Amino acid sequence: MEELTLVFNFEGLESSDVIGAIGRIFDRNRISVSDCQLYGKPTEFTPLAAGLKKSCRETFLITVDVFEIDLSSVKHYQFDSLCIKSGQSARIDWDEWIVELMNEQFVLAWVSDVEYEFWQNAEDPLEFEAHGRAWKHLPKRSNGLPPPLDQTVVDTSRNPGRRDLRRGFIEAVGSLMWLGERFWELTGAEKQRVTSAPFLKCTEIASVYFGLNPRHAAFRQTTVQLVIYNES
């Protein structure tokens, strides 16, 4: 199963606008929204946007067809994230999601394999034992908590697929990534240095987007698409 994760500035997404964008994507791809669940409970998709707006709810977890879509907000680190899992990776091209969901608060996005990323970030030995996976040969560290809560956990700090929460973004890597203009501002990374790396295929896309809500004013966003490849 693949997952697309998009990161935006804190409060950079309105849940009702995201639902509207999802509806447009499904409509174009002729995907039925009749089987929809909100937090595991059956619901109707069409009035969902209005219901979220009325209740002032800015986060949600919905499942529609083969998709699981989770909008969350992390106040402590000042970012919003939208995670889209698809049981059929080719059902809708990930580029279509990016174009439809893009707005001026966009920071970065990447595609990952759900199982791979889970184990790259798993720290609790009980997780490994429950799934019959060896872990005692892996690097370890203390969880940093005082007794009696102290525990030895798996050290994931050198795993290439790890996720680290930073102020304003998530530090992560994927074989396919999109980096917005705010990415360079938040990370301090040198755009020229990153895009000239020999193992990356980079495409810079300068486009005018109308945002998640068609009523909003248009804005210009220069996005760098990165594809990690092996020349051999």
Foldseek 3Di string as FASTA:
>chain_A
DKKKKWKFFAVPDAPLLLLLLVVVQCVVLVFDQCQKDWVRHGDRSPCPSVVCVVVVPRWTWMDGDQKIWTWDGDVVQGMIMIMIDGPDCVSGPPVSVCQQADDPRTFKMAMDDVVVLCVLAFWAVVVCVVVVHDDPVADWDWPPDDPPVIDIIGDNPPRQAYWDRHRRDIDGDHQKMKGWPVNCVVPVDDPVVVCPPPQKDKDWDWDWGCHSDVVRRIDIIIMIIIGGHDPD
